[in-house]
Amino acid sequence: MKLIFVYNTDSNPISSLIDLGHKILNPDTYDCSLCKLTHGPFTEIEAWKVFRKSIGVPVEFLHRDEFEKKYNQHFTYPLILKKNNTFDVLLSKKEIDDLADLDALIASVKQHLPANE
């Protein structure tokens, strides 16, 4: 099993600059709720970094363009997937959008880890 976190942004430098400006100037309308939960304007939130290193299963973090190129799959982003032979949606865009904060995201991800299934 692998968890795949897909951000609702592209990986190119122009997208990164636009995202940075959007996060700083108008964060409430930023399109990637997963980004808002796990990253500040410039860096990854430390509590998230600690959690993702302790998950205990393989994880992959991709921008939507990287994910679609690598897996030839399309979803509504952001989302978190579980990949075995197929992709299963663990947290959909709506579910991520509805999370109040990083603690809620971490609790939701923990519910899907092998020890909790």
PDB file of N, CA and C in Angstrom:
ATOM      1  N   MET A   1       0.835  -1.180   0.000  1.00  0.00           N
ATOM      2  CA  MET A   1       0.000   0.000   0.000  1.00  0.00           C
ATOM      3  C   MET A   1       0.881   1.245   0.000  1.00  0.00           C
ATOM      4  N   LYS A   2       0.450   2.228  -0.755  1.00  0.00           N
ATOM      5  CA  LYS A   2       1.114   3.526  -0.788  1.00  0.00           C
ATOM      6  C   LYS A   2       0.042   4.605  -0.691  1.00  0.00           C
ATOM      7  N   LEU A   3       0.323   5.665   0.045  1.00  0.00           N
ATOM      8  CA  LEU A   3      -0.553   6.828   0.072  1.00  0.00           C
ATOM      9  C   LEU A   3      -0.008   7.865  -0.894  1.00  0.00           C
ATOM     10  N   ILE A   4      -0.899   8.428  -1.698  1.00  0.00           N
ATOM     11  CA  ILE A   4      -0.503   9.460  -2.654  1.00  0.00           C
ATOM     12  C   ILE A   4      -1.298  10.724  -2.340  1.00  0.00           C
ATOM     13  N   PHE A   5      -0.585  11.784  -2.058  1.00  0.00           N
ATOM     14  CA  PHE A   5      -1.172  13.089  -1.786  1.00  0.00           C
ATOM     15  C   PHE A   5      -1.017  13.917  -3.055  1.00  0.00           C
ATOM     16  N   VAL A   6      -2.129  14.394  -3.600  1.00  0.00           N
ATOM     17  CA  VAL A   6      -2.073  15.153  -4.852  1.00  0.00           C
ATOM     18  C   VAL A   6      -2.578  16.568  -4.585  1.00  0.00           C
ATOM     19  N   TYR A   7      -1.689  17.517  -4.817  1.00  0.00           N
ATOM     20  CA  TYR A   7      -2.007  18.926  -4.606  1.00  0.00           C
ATOM     21  C   TYR A   7      -2.688  19.519  -5.834  1.00  0.00           C
ATOM     22  N   ASN A   8      -3.583  20.455  -5.615  1.00  0.00           N
ATOM     23  CA  ASN A   8      -4.329  21.098  -6.697  1.00  0.00           C
ATOM     24  C   ASN A   8      -3.550  22.291  -7.254  1.00  0.00           C
ATOM     25  N   THR A   9      -2.368  22.007  -7.727  1.00  0.00           N
ATOM     26  CA  THR A   9      -1.516  23.005  -8.348  1.00  0.00           C
ATOM     27  C   THR A   9      -0.539  22.280  -9.257  1.00  0.00           C
ATOM     28  N   ASP A  10       0.035  23.011 -10.188  1.00  0.00           N
ATOM     29  CA  ASP A  10       0.998  22.408 -11.103  1.00  0.00           C
ATOM     30  C   ASP A  10       2.416  22.641 -10.601  1.00  0.00           C
ATOM     31  N   SER A  11       3.349  21.889 -11.151  1.00  0.00           N
ATOM     32  CA  SER A  11       4.718  21.882 -10.645  1.00  0.00           C
ATOM     33  C   SER A  11       5.636  22.910 -11.288  1.00  0.00           C
ATOM     34  N   ASN A  12       5.181  23.632 -12.289  1.00  0.00           N
ATOM     35  CA  ASN A  12       6.095  24.549 -12.987  1.00  0.00           C
ATOM     36  C   ASN A  12       6.361  25.815 -12.162  1.00  0.00           C
ATOM     37  N   PRO A  13       7.480  26.481 -12.421  1.00  0.00           N
ATOM     38  CA  PRO A  13       7.863  27.658 -11.625  1.00  0.00           C
ATOM     39  C   PRO A  13       6.848  28.801 -11.671  1.00  0.00           C
ATOM     40  N   ILE A  14       6.201  29.007 -12.797  1.00  0.00           N
ATOM     41  CA  ILE A  14       5.216  30.085 -12.893  1.00  0.00           C
ATOM     42  C   ILE A  14       4.036  29.803 -11.965  1.00  0.00           C
ATOM     43  N   SER A  15       3.564  28.563 -11.956  1.00  0.00           N
ATOM     44  CA  SER A  15       2.474  28.190 -11.039  1.00  0.00           C
ATOM     45  C   SER A  15       2.891  28.396  -9.589  1.00  0.00           C
ATOM     46  N   SER A  16       4.132  28.063  -9.278  1.00  0.00           N
ATOM     47  CA  SER A  16       4.625  28.243  -7.908  1.00  0.00           C
ATOM     48  C   SER A  16       4.597  29.709  -7.494  1.00  0.00           C
ATOM     49  N   LEU A  17       5.001  30.600  -8.392  1.00  0.00           N
ATOM     50  CA  LEU A  17       4.979  32.033  -8.083  1.00  0.00           C
ATOM     51  C   LEU A  17       3.553  32.548  -7.921  1.00  0.00           C
ATOM     52  N   ILE A  18       2.670  32.121  -8.809  1.00  0.00           N
ATOM     53  CA  ILE A  18       1.267  32.527  -8.710  1.00  0.00           C
ATOM     54  C   ILE A  18       0.662  32.015  -7.403  1.00  0.00           C
ATOM     55  N   ASP A  19       0.955  30.757  -7.061  1.00  0.00           N
ATOM     56  CA  ASP A  19       0.445  30.178  -5.815  1.00  0.00           C
ATOM     57  C   ASP A  19       0.946  30.956  -4.601  1.00  0.00           C
ATOM     58  N   LEU A  20       2.224  31.311  -4.607  1.00  0.00           N
ATOM     59  CA  LEU A  20       2.796  32.064  -3.492  1.00  0.00           C
ATOM     60  C   LEU A  20       2.066  33.394  -3.327  1.00  0.00           C
ATOM     61  N   GLY A  21       1.889  34.110  -4.423  1.00  0.00           N
ATOM     62  CA  GLY A  21       1.172  35.380  -4.362  1.00  0.00           C
ATOM     63  C   GLY A  21      -0.250  35.207  -3.869  1.00  0.00           C
ATOM     64  N   HIS A  22      -0.904  34.177  -4.352  1.00  0.00           N
ATOM     65  CA  HIS A  22      -2.292  33.913  -3.954  1.00  0.00           C
ATOM     66  C   HIS A  22      -2.370  33.591  -2.462  1.00  0.00           C
ATOM     67  N   LYS A  23      -1.450  32.762  -1.972  1.00  0.00           N
ATOM     68  CA  LYS A  23      -1.453  32.395  -0.552  1.00  0.00           C
ATOM     69  C   LYS A  23      -1.275  33.617   0.343  1.00  0.00           C
ATOM     70  N   ILE A  24      -0.451  34.565  -0.110  1.00  0.00           N
ATOM     71  CA  ILE A  24      -0.160  35.742   0.707  1.00  0.00           C
ATOM     72  C   ILE A  24      -1.260  36.797   0.582  1.00  0.00           C
ATOM     73  N   LEU A  25      -1.692  37.077  -0.637  1.00  0.00           N
ATOM     74  CA  LEU A  25      -2.622  38.183  -0.874  1.00  0.00           C
ATOM     75  C   LEU A  25      -4.087  37.836  -0.638  1.00  0.00           C
ATOM     76  N   ASN A  26      -4.470  36.608  -0.952  1.00  0.00           N
ATOM     77  CA  ASN A  26      -5.883  36.236  -0.838  1.00  0.00           C
ATOM     78  C   ASN A  26      -6.012  34.754  -0.476  1.00  0.00           C
ATOM     79  N   PRO A  27      -5.535  34.365   0.695  1.00  0.00           N
ATOM     80  CA  PRO A  27      -5.488  32.941   1.048  1.00  0.00           C
ATOM     81  C   PRO A  27      -6.851  32.253   1.126  1.00  0.00           C
ATOM     82  N   ASP A  28      -7.902  32.992   1.416  1.00  0.00           N
ATOM     83  CA  ASP A  28      -9.224  32.373   1.545  1.00  0.00           C
ATOM     84  C   ASP A  28      -9.748  31.814   0.233  1.00  0.00           C
ATOM     85  N   THR A  29      -9.244  32.312  -0.880  1.00  0.00           N
ATOM     86  CA  THR A  29      -9.725  31.840  -2.183  1.00  0.00           C
ATOM     87  C   THR A  29      -8.718  30.928  -2.876  1.00  0.00           C
ATOM     88  N   TYR A  30      -7.666  30.546  -2.168  1.00  0.00           N
ATOM     89  CA  TYR A  30      -6.656  29.662  -2.756  1.00  0.00           C
ATOM     90  C   TYR A  30      -7.281  28.292  -3.006  1.00  0.00           C
ATOM     91  N   ASP A  31      -7.065  27.725  -4.195  1.00  0.00           N
ATOM     92  CA  ASP A  31      -7.763  26.516  -4.645  1.00  0.00           C
ATOM     93  C   ASP A  31      -7.283  25.202  -4.036  1.00  0.00           C
ATOM     94  N   CYS A  32      -6.172  25.198  -3.346  1.00  0.00           N
ATOM     95  CA  CYS A  32      -5.661  23.925  -2.828  1.00  0.00           C
ATOM     96  C   CYS A  32      -5.750  23.889  -1.305  1.00  0.00           C
ATOM     97  N   SER A  33      -6.828  23.300  -0.805  1.00  0.00           N
ATOM     98  CA  SER A  33      -7.002  23.208   0.645  1.00  0.00           C
ATOM     99  C   SER A  33      -5.944  22.308   1.276  1.00  0.00           C
ATOM    100  N   LEU A  34      -5.457  21.312   0.551  1.00  0.00           N
ATOM    101  CA  LEU A  34      -4.388  20.456   1.082  1.00  0.00           C
ATOM    102  C   LEU A  34      -3.111  21.273   1.273  1.00  0.00           C
ATOM    103  N   CYS A  35      -2.811  22.137   0.323  1.00  0.00           N
ATOM    104  CA  CYS A  35      -1.654  23.033   0.455  1.00  0.00           C
ATOM    105  C   CYS A  35      -1.821  23.947   1.666  1.00  0.00           C
ATOM    106  N   LYS A  36      -3.026  24.514   1.824  1.00  0.00           N
ATOM    107  CA  LYS A  36      -3.275  25.433   2.940  1.00  0.00           C
ATOM    108  C   LYS A  36      -3.100  24.740   4.287  1.00  0.00           C
ATOM    109  N   LEU A  37      -3.479  23.474   4.359  1.00  0.00           N
ATOM    110  CA  LEU A  37      -3.370  22.742   5.622  1.00  0.00           C
ATOM    111  C   LEU A  37      -1.935  22.341   5.945  1.00  0.00           C
ATOM    112  N   THR A  38      -1.129  22.048   4.934  1.00  0.00           N
ATOM    113  CA  THR A  38       0.194  21.456   5.155  1.00  0.00           C
ATOM    114  C   THR A  38       1.364  22.416   4.968  1.00  0.00           C
ATOM    115  N   HIS A  39       1.108  23.576   4.373  1.00  0.00           N
ATOM    116  CA  HIS A  39       2.191  24.509   4.069  1.00  0.00           C
ATOM    117  C   HIS A  39       1.808  25.932   4.446  1.00  0.00           C
ATOM    118  N   GLY A  40       2.799  26.679   4.922  1.00  0.00           N
ATOM    119  CA  GLY A  40       2.645  28.117   5.059  1.00  0.00           C
ATOM    120  C   GLY A  40       2.963  28.751   3.712  1.00  0.00           C
ATOM    121  N   PRO A  41       3.104  30.065   3.669  1.00  0.00           N
ATOM    122  CA  PRO A  41       3.390  30.709   2.389  1.00  0.00           C
ATOM    123  C   PRO A  41       4.715  30.255   1.764  1.00  0.00           C
ATOM    124  N   PHE A  42       5.691  29.904   2.605  1.00  0.00           N
ATOM    125  CA  PHE A  42       7.019  29.607   2.077  1.00  0.00           C
ATOM    126  C   PHE A  42       7.496  28.184   2.319  1.00  0.00           C
ATOM    127  N   THR A  43       7.051  27.556   3.390  1.00  0.00           N
ATOM    128  CA  THR A  43       7.588  26.240   3.736  1.00  0.00           C
ATOM    129  C   THR A  43       6.499  25.319   4.278  1.00  0.00           C
ATOM    130  N   GLU A  44       6.873  24.067   4.362  1.00  0.00           N
ATOM    131  CA  GLU A  44       6.008  23.045   4.939  1.00  0.00           C
ATOM    132  C   GLU A  44       5.884  23.283   6.448  1.00  0.00           C
ATOM    133  N   ILE A  45       4.686  23.102   6.977  1.00  0.00           N
ATOM    134  CA  ILE A  45       4.457  23.259   8.412  1.00  0.00           C
ATOM    135  C   ILE A  45       5.176  22.127   9.150  1.00  0.00           C
ATOM    136  N   GLU A  46       5.898  22.473  10.196  1.00  0.00           N
ATOM    137  CA  GLU A  46       6.751  21.511  10.904  1.00  0.00           C
ATOM    138  C   GLU A  46       5.970  20.303  11.430  1.00  0.00           C
ATOM    139  N   ALA A  47       4.792  20.515  11.991  1.00  0.00           N
ATOM    140  CA  ALA A  47       3.997  19.391  12.513  1.00  0.00           C
ATOM    141  C   ALA A  47       3.627  18.419  11.398  1.00  0.00           C
ATOM    142  N   TRP A  48       3.374  18.923  10.210  1.00  0.00           N
ATOM    143  CA  TRP A  48       3.070  18.063   9.068  1.00  0.00           C
ATOM    144  C   TRP A  48       4.311  17.286   8.647  1.00  0.00           C
ATOM    145  N   LYS A  49       5.442  17.954   8.620  1.00  0.00           N
ATOM    146  CA  LYS A  49       6.696  17.303   8.240  1.00  0.00           C
ATOM    147  C   LYS A  49       6.990  16.135   9.184  1.00  0.00           C
ATOM    148  N   VAL A  50       6.821  16.360  10.473  1.00  0.00           N
ATOM    149  CA  VAL A  50       7.050  15.308  11.467  1.00  0.00           C
ATOM    150  C   VAL A  50       6.075  14.157  11.240  1.00  0.00           C
ATOM    151  N   PHE A  51       4.802  14.469  11.035  1.00  0.00           N
ATOM    152  CA  PHE A  51       3.805  13.419  10.829  1.00  0.00           C
ATOM    153  C   PHE A  51       4.098  12.604   9.579  1.00  0.00           C
ATOM    154  N   ARG A  52       4.342  13.261   8.457  1.00  0.00           N
ATOM    155  CA  ARG A  52       4.519  12.514   7.208  1.00  0.00           C
ATOM    156  C   ARG A  52       5.741  11.603   7.255  1.00  0.00           C
ATOM    157  N   LYS A  53       6.747  11.980   8.044  1.00  0.00           N
ATOM    158  CA  LYS A  53       7.931  11.126   8.181  1.00  0.00           C
ATOM    159  C   LYS A  53       7.657   9.921   9.079  1.00  0.00           C
ATOM    160  N   SER A  54       6.568   9.977   9.848  1.00  0.00           N
ATOM    161  CA  SER A  54       6.268   8.900  10.796  1.00  0.00           C
ATOM    162  C   SER A  54       5.097   8.024  10.358  1.00  0.00           C
ATOM    163  N   ILE A  55       4.567   8.231   9.168  1.00  0.00           N
ATOM    164  CA  ILE A  55       3.357   7.530   8.731  1.00  0.00           C
ATOM    165  C   ILE A  55       3.531   6.008   8.754  1.00  0.00           C
ATOM    166  N   GLY A  56       4.692   5.518   8.357  1.00  0.00           N
ATOM    167  CA  GLY A  56       4.933   4.079   8.421  1.00  0.00           C
ATOM    168  C   GLY A  56       4.537   3.307   7.178  1.00  0.00           C
ATOM    169  N   VAL A  57       4.061   3.987   6.156  1.00  0.00           N
ATOM    170  CA  VAL A  57       3.785   3.371   4.854  1.00  0.00           C
ATOM    171  C   VAL A  57       4.418   4.274   3.798  1.00  0.00           C
ATOM    172  N   PRO A  58       4.708   3.720   2.627  1.00  0.00           N
ATOM    173  CA  PRO A  58       5.256   4.578   1.570  1.00  0.00           C
ATOM    174  C   PRO A  58       4.273   5.699   1.218  1.00  0.00           C
ATOM    175  N   VAL A  59       4.809   6.879   1.013  1.00  0.00           N
ATOM    176  CA  VAL A  59       3.986   8.026   0.629  1.00  0.00           C
ATOM    177  C   VAL A  59       4.612   8.717  -0.571  1.00  0.00           C
ATOM    178  N   GLU A  60       3.755   9.358  -1.332  1.00  0.00           N
ATOM    179  CA  GLU A  60       4.206  10.113  -2.496  1.00  0.00           C
ATOM    180  C   GLU A  60       3.415  11.415  -2.519  1.00  0.00           C
ATOM    181  N   PHE A  61       4.103  12.505  -2.777  1.00  0.00           N
ATOM    182  CA  PHE A  61       3.484  13.821  -2.849  1.00  0.00           C
ATOM    183  C   PHE A  61       3.690  14.354  -4.253  1.00  0.00           C
ATOM    184  N   LEU A  62       2.580  14.662  -4.932  1.00  0.00           N
ATOM    185  CA  LEU A  62       2.655  15.100  -6.320  1.00  0.00           C
ATOM    186  C   LEU A  62       1.753  16.304  -6.560  1.00  0.00           C
ATOM    187  N   HIS A  63       2.171  17.129  -7.501  1.00  0.00           N
ATOM    188  CA  HIS A  63       1.280  18.152  -8.040  1.00  0.00           C
ATOM    189  C   HIS A  63       0.371  17.460  -9.049  1.00  0.00           C
ATOM    190  N   ARG A  64      -0.760  18.081  -9.367  1.00  0.00           N
ATOM    191  CA  ARG A  64      -1.730  17.419 -10.256  1.00  0.00           C
ATOM    192  C   ARG A  64      -1.128  17.077 -11.613  1.00  0.00           C
ATOM    193  N   ASP A  65      -0.287  17.944 -12.197  1.00  0.00           N
ATOM    194  CA  ASP A  65       0.297  17.638 -13.506  1.00  0.00           C
ATOM    195  C   ASP A  65       1.254  16.452 -13.424  1.00  0.00           C
ATOM    196  N   GLU A  66       1.997  16.349 -12.336  1.00  0.00           N
ATOM    197  CA  GLU A  66       2.913  15.222 -12.147  1.00  0.00           C
ATOM    198  C   GLU A  66       2.136  13.919 -11.984  1.00  0.00           C
ATOM    199  N   PHE A  67       1.062  13.976 -11.186  1.00  0.00           N
ATOM    200  CA  PHE A  67       0.249  12.786 -10.963  1.00  0.00           C
ATOM    201  C   PHE A  67      -0.361  12.293 -12.266  1.00  0.00           C
ATOM    202  N   GLU A  68      -0.976  13.187 -13.028  1.00  0.00           N
ATOM    203  CA  GLU A  68      -1.646  12.787 -14.272  1.00  0.00           C
ATOM    204  C   GLU A  68      -0.652  12.245 -15.293  1.00  0.00           C
ATOM    205  N   LYS A  69       0.522  12.825 -15.352  1.00  0.00           N
ATOM    206  CA  LYS A  69       1.546  12.329 -16.281  1.00  0.00           C
ATOM    207  C   LYS A  69       2.045  10.945 -15.852  1.00  0.00           C
ATOM    208  N   LYS A  70       2.286  10.772 -14.575  1.00  0.00           N
ATOM    209  CA  LYS A  70       2.847   9.512 -14.079  1.00  0.00           C
ATOM    210  C   LYS A  70       1.841   8.366 -14.121  1.00  0.00           C
ATOM    211  N   TYR A  71       0.592   8.632 -13.741  1.00  0.00           N
ATOM    212  CA  TYR A  71      -0.389   7.561 -13.580  1.00  0.00           C
ATOM    213  C   TYR A  71      -1.491   7.544 -14.633  1.00  0.00           C
ATOM    214  N   ASN A  72      -1.544   8.552 -15.485  1.00  0.00           N
ATOM    215  CA  ASN A  72      -2.583   8.643 -16.519  1.00  0.00           C
ATOM    216  C   ASN A  72      -3.983   8.484 -15.910  1.00  0.00           C
ATOM    217  N   GLN A  73      -4.188   9.144 -14.795  1.00  0.00           N
ATOM    218  CA  GLN A  73      -5.464   9.152 -14.079  1.00  0.00           C
ATOM    219  C   GLN A  73      -5.863  10.601 -13.840  1.00  0.00           C
ATOM    220  N   HIS A  74      -7.160  10.852 -13.748  1.00  0.00           N
ATOM    221  CA  HIS A  74      -7.661  12.202 -13.510  1.00  0.00           C
ATOM    222  C   HIS A  74      -8.719  12.165 -12.411  1.00  0.00           C
ATOM    223  N   PHE A  75      -8.605  13.095 -11.490  1.00  0.00           N
ATOM    224  CA  PHE A  75      -9.544  13.225 -10.385  1.00  0.00           C
ATOM    225  C   PHE A  75      -9.842  14.707 -10.185  1.00  0.00           C
ATOM    226  N   THR A  76     -10.658  15.015  -9.205  1.00  0.00           N
ATOM    227  CA  THR A  76     -10.839  16.384  -8.750  1.00  0.00           C
ATOM    228  C   THR A  76      -9.868  16.589  -7.595  1.00  0.00           C
ATOM    229  N   TYR A  77      -9.055  17.618  -7.674  1.00  0.00           N
ATOM    230  CA  TYR A  77      -7.960  17.827  -6.720  1.00  0.00           C
ATOM    231  C   TYR A  77      -8.275  18.981  -5.778  1.00  0.00           C
ATOM    232  N   PRO A  78      -7.647  18.938  -4.596  1.00  0.00           N
ATOM    233  CA  PRO A  78      -6.683  17.977  -4.088  1.00  0.00           C
ATOM    234  C   PRO A  78      -7.381  16.712  -3.600  1.00  0.00           C
ATOM    235  N   LEU A  79      -6.584  15.682  -3.394  1.00  0.00           N
ATOM    236  CA  LEU A  79      -7.111  14.460  -2.808  1.00  0.00           C
ATOM    237  C   LEU A  79      -5.978  13.603  -2.284  1.00  0.00           C
ATOM    238  N   ILE A  80      -6.363  12.613  -1.491  1.00  0.00           N
ATOM    239  CA  ILE A  80      -5.413  11.640  -0.967  1.00  0.00           C
ATOM    240  C   ILE A  80      -5.907  10.273  -1.400  1.00  0.00           C
ATOM    241  N   LEU A  81      -5.001   9.515  -2.011  1.00  0.00           N
ATOM    242  CA  LEU A  81      -5.337   8.199  -2.553  1.00  0.00           C
ATOM    243  C   LEU A  81      -4.568   7.110  -1.832  1.00  0.00           C
ATOM    244  N   LYS A  82      -5.164   5.932  -1.820  1.00  0.00           N
ATOM    245  CA  LYS A  82      -4.469   4.716  -1.403  1.00  0.00           C
ATOM    246  C   LYS A  82      -4.284   3.902  -2.668  1.00  0.00           C
ATOM    247  N   LYS A  83      -3.046   3.492  -2.925  1.00  0.00           N
ATOM    248  CA  LYS A  83      -2.769   2.720  -4.131  1.00  0.00           C
ATOM    249  C   LYS A  83      -2.266   1.339  -3.748  1.00  0.00           C
ATOM    250  N   ASN A  84      -2.996   0.352  -4.169  1.00  0.00           N
ATOM    251  CA  ASN A  84      -2.534  -1.030  -4.168  1.00  0.00           C
ATOM    252  C   ASN A  84      -2.446  -1.388  -5.644  1.00  0.00           C
ATOM    253  N   ASN A  85      -3.300  -2.250  -6.122  1.00  0.00           N
ATOM    254  CA  ASN A  85      -3.387  -2.504  -7.562  1.00  0.00           C
ATOM    255  C   ASN A  85      -4.238  -1.445  -8.245  1.00  0.00           C
ATOM    256  N   THR A  86      -5.116  -0.820  -7.485  1.00  0.00           N
ATOM    257  CA  THR A  86      -5.989   0.235  -7.996  1.00  0.00           C
ATOM    258  C   THR A  86      -5.871   1.448  -7.079  1.00  0.00           C
ATOM    259  N   PHE A  87      -6.508   2.526  -7.479  1.00  0.00           N
ATOM    260  CA  PHE A  87      -6.550   3.730  -6.662  1.00  0.00           C
ATOM    261  C   PHE A  87      -7.869   3.778  -5.902  1.00  0.00           C
ATOM    262  N   ASP A  88      -7.787   3.990  -4.605  1.00  0.00           N
ATOM    263  CA  ASP A  88      -8.969   4.215  -3.777  1.00  0.00           C
ATOM    264  C   ASP A  88      -8.838   5.604  -3.162  1.00  0.00           C
ATOM    265  N   VAL A  89      -9.893   6.390  -3.250  1.00  0.00           N
ATOM    266  CA  VAL A  89      -9.874   7.727  -2.670  1.00  0.00           C
ATOM    267  C   VAL A  89     -10.044   7.611  -1.158  1.00  0.00           C
ATOM    268  N   LEU A  90      -9.041   8.091  -0.421  1.00  0.00           N
ATOM    269  CA  LEU A  90      -9.143   8.118   1.038  1.00  0.00           C
ATOM    270  C   LEU A  90      -9.815   9.400   1.504  1.00  0.00           C
ATOM    271  N   LEU A  91      -9.378  10.516   0.959  1.00  0.00           N
ATOM    272  CA  LEU A  91     -10.001  11.800   1.265  1.00  0.00           C
ATOM    273  C   LEU A  91     -10.190  12.553  -0.041  1.00  0.00           C
ATOM    274  N   SER A  92     -11.424  12.890  -0.324  1.00  0.00           N
ATOM    275  CA  SER A  92     -11.763  13.616  -1.549  1.00  0.00           C
ATOM    276  C   SER A  92     -11.513  15.116  -1.357  1.00  0.00           C
ATOM    277  N   LYS A  93     -11.636  15.855  -2.438  1.00  0.00           N
ATOM    278  CA  LYS A  93     -11.515  17.311  -2.366  1.00  0.00           C
ATOM    279  C   LYS A  93     -12.485  17.873  -1.336  1.00  0.00           C
ATOM    280  N   LYS A  94     -13.732  17.457  -1.390  1.00  0.00           N
ATOM    281  CA  LYS A  94     -14.732  17.978  -0.449  1.00  0.00           C
ATOM    282  C   LYS A  94     -14.354  17.656   0.990  1.00  0.00           C
ATOM    283  N   GLU A  95     -13.899  16.434   1.225  1.00  0.00           N
ATOM    284  CA  GLU A  95     -13.519  16.049   2.589  1.00  0.00           C
ATOM    285  C   GLU A  95     -12.328  16.869   3.078  1.00  0.00           C
ATOM    286  N   ILE A  96     -11.352  17.092   2.214  1.00  0.00           N
ATOM    287  CA  ILE A  96     -10.197  17.908   2.595  1.00  0.00           C
ATOM    288  C   ILE A  96     -10.630  19.355   2.810  1.00  0.00           C
ATOM    289  N   ASP A  97     -11.471  19.869   1.896  1.00  0.00           N
ATOM    290  CA  ASP A  97     -11.976  21.243   2.038  1.00  0.00           C
ATOM    291  C   ASP A  97     -12.690  21.442   3.368  1.00  0.00           C
ATOM    292  N   ASP A  98     -13.358  20.415   3.869  1.00  0.00           N
ATOM    293  CA  ASP A  98     -14.145  20.517   5.101  1.00  0.00           C
ATOM    294  C   ASP A  98     -13.315  20.386   6.381  1.00  0.00           C
ATOM    295  N   LEU A  99     -12.050  20.011   6.265  1.00  0.00           N
ATOM    296  CA  LEU A  99     -11.215  19.856   7.453  1.00  0.00           C
ATOM    297  C   LEU A  99     -10.900  21.220   8.053  1.00  0.00           C
ATOM    298  N   ALA A 100     -10.981  21.310   9.367  1.00  0.00           N
ATOM    299  CA  ALA A 100     -10.800  22.592  10.051  1.00  0.00           C
ATOM    300  C   ALA A 100      -9.343  23.024  10.133  1.00  0.00           C
ATOM    301  N   ASP A 101      -8.443  22.048  10.281  1.00  0.00           N
ATOM    302  CA  ASP A 101      -7.046  22.408  10.491  1.00  0.00           C
ATOM    303  C   ASP A 101      -6.150  21.194  10.255  1.00  0.00           C
ATOM    304  N   LEU A 102      -4.865  21.398  10.464  1.00  0.00           N
ATOM    305  CA  LEU A 102      -3.889  20.334  10.241  1.00  0.00           C
ATOM    306  C   LEU A 102      -4.134  19.139  11.157  1.00  0.00           C
ATOM    307  N   ASP A 103      -4.518  19.380  12.396  1.00  0.00           N
ATOM    308  CA  ASP A 103      -4.798  18.267  13.315  1.00  0.00           C
ATOM    309  C   ASP A 103      -5.914  17.372  12.777  1.00  0.00           C
ATOM    310  N   ALA A 104      -6.926  17.979  12.181  1.00  0.00           N
ATOM    311  CA  ALA A 104      -8.026  17.195  11.602  1.00  0.00           C
ATOM    312  C   ALA A 104      -7.543  16.382  10.407  1.00  0.00           C
ATOM    313  N   LEU A 105      -6.657  16.953   9.601  1.00  0.00           N
ATOM    314  CA  LEU A 105      -6.091  16.210   8.470  1.00  0.00           C
ATOM    315  C   LEU A 105      -5.291  15.014   8.969  1.00  0.00           C
ATOM    316  N   ILE A 106      -4.439  15.241   9.935  1.00  0.00           N
ATOM    317  CA  ILE A 106      -3.613  14.155  10.476  1.00  0.00           C
ATOM    318  C   ILE A 106      -4.501  13.056  11.061  1.00  0.00           C
ATOM    319  N   ALA A 107      -5.524  13.418  11.812  1.00  0.00           N
ATOM    320  CA  ALA A 107      -6.440  12.421  12.385  1.00  0.00           C
ATOM    321  C   ALA A 107      -7.139  11.631  11.284  1.00  0.00           C
ATOM    322  N   SER A 108      -7.548  12.297  10.220  1.00  0.00           N
ATOM    323  CA  SER A 108      -8.225  11.612   9.111  1.00  0.00           C
ATOM    324  C   SER A 108      -7.293  10.644   8.400  1.00  0.00           C
ATOM    325  N   VAL A 109      -6.058  11.057   8.179  1.00  0.00           N
ATOM    326  CA  VAL A 109      -5.090  10.166   7.525  1.00  0.00           C
ATOM    327  C   VAL A 109      -4.804   8.969   8.425  1.00  0.00           C
ATOM    328  N   LYS A 110      -4.632   9.200   9.713  1.00  0.00           N
ATOM    329  CA  LYS A 110      -4.340   8.108  10.656  1.00  0.00           C
ATOM    330  C   LYS A 110      -5.426   7.035  10.634  1.00  0.00           C
ATOM    331  N   GLN A 111      -6.674   7.441  10.433  1.00  0.00           N
ATOM    332  CA  GLN A 111      -7.779   6.471  10.395  1.00  0.00           C
ATOM    333  C   GLN A 111      -7.613   5.462   9.261  1.00  0.00           C
ATOM    334  N   HIS A 112      -6.863   5.815   8.243  1.00  0.00           N
ATOM    335  CA  HIS A 112      -6.704   4.953   7.074  1.00  0.00           C
ATOM    336  C   HIS A 112      -5.391   4.183   7.061  1.00  0.00           C
ATOM    337  N   LEU A 113      -4.591   4.327   8.083  1.00  0.00           N
ATOM    338  CA  LEU A 113      -3.327   3.594   8.132  1.00  0.00           C
ATOM    339  C   LEU A 113      -3.590   2.140   8.506  1.00  0.00           C
ATOM    340  N   PRO A 114      -2.726   1.228   8.079  1.00  0.00           N
ATOM    341  CA  PRO A 114      -2.973  -0.211   8.268  1.00  0.00           C
ATOM    342  C   PRO A 114      -3.337  -0.627   9.690  1.00  0.00           C
ATOM    343  N   ALA A 115      -2.737  -0.048  10.699  1.00  0.00           N
ATOM    344  CA  ALA A 115      -3.048  -0.444  12.078  1.00  0.00           C
ATOM    345  C   ALA A 115      -4.481  -0.086  12.459  1.00  0.00           C
ATOM    346  N   ASN A 116      -5.081   0.845  11.728  1.00  0.00           N
ATOM    347  CA  ASN A 116      -6.433   1.304  12.055  1.00  0.00           C
ATOM    348  C   ASN A 116      -7.498   0.761  11.112  1.00  0.00           C
ATOM    349  N   GLU A 117      -7.120  -0.008  10.115  1.00  0.00           N
ATOM    350  CA  GLU A 117      -8.103  -0.530   9.152  1.00  0.00           C
ATOM    351  C   GLU A 117      -8.711  -1.820   9.642  1.00  0.00           C
TER     352      GLU A 117
END
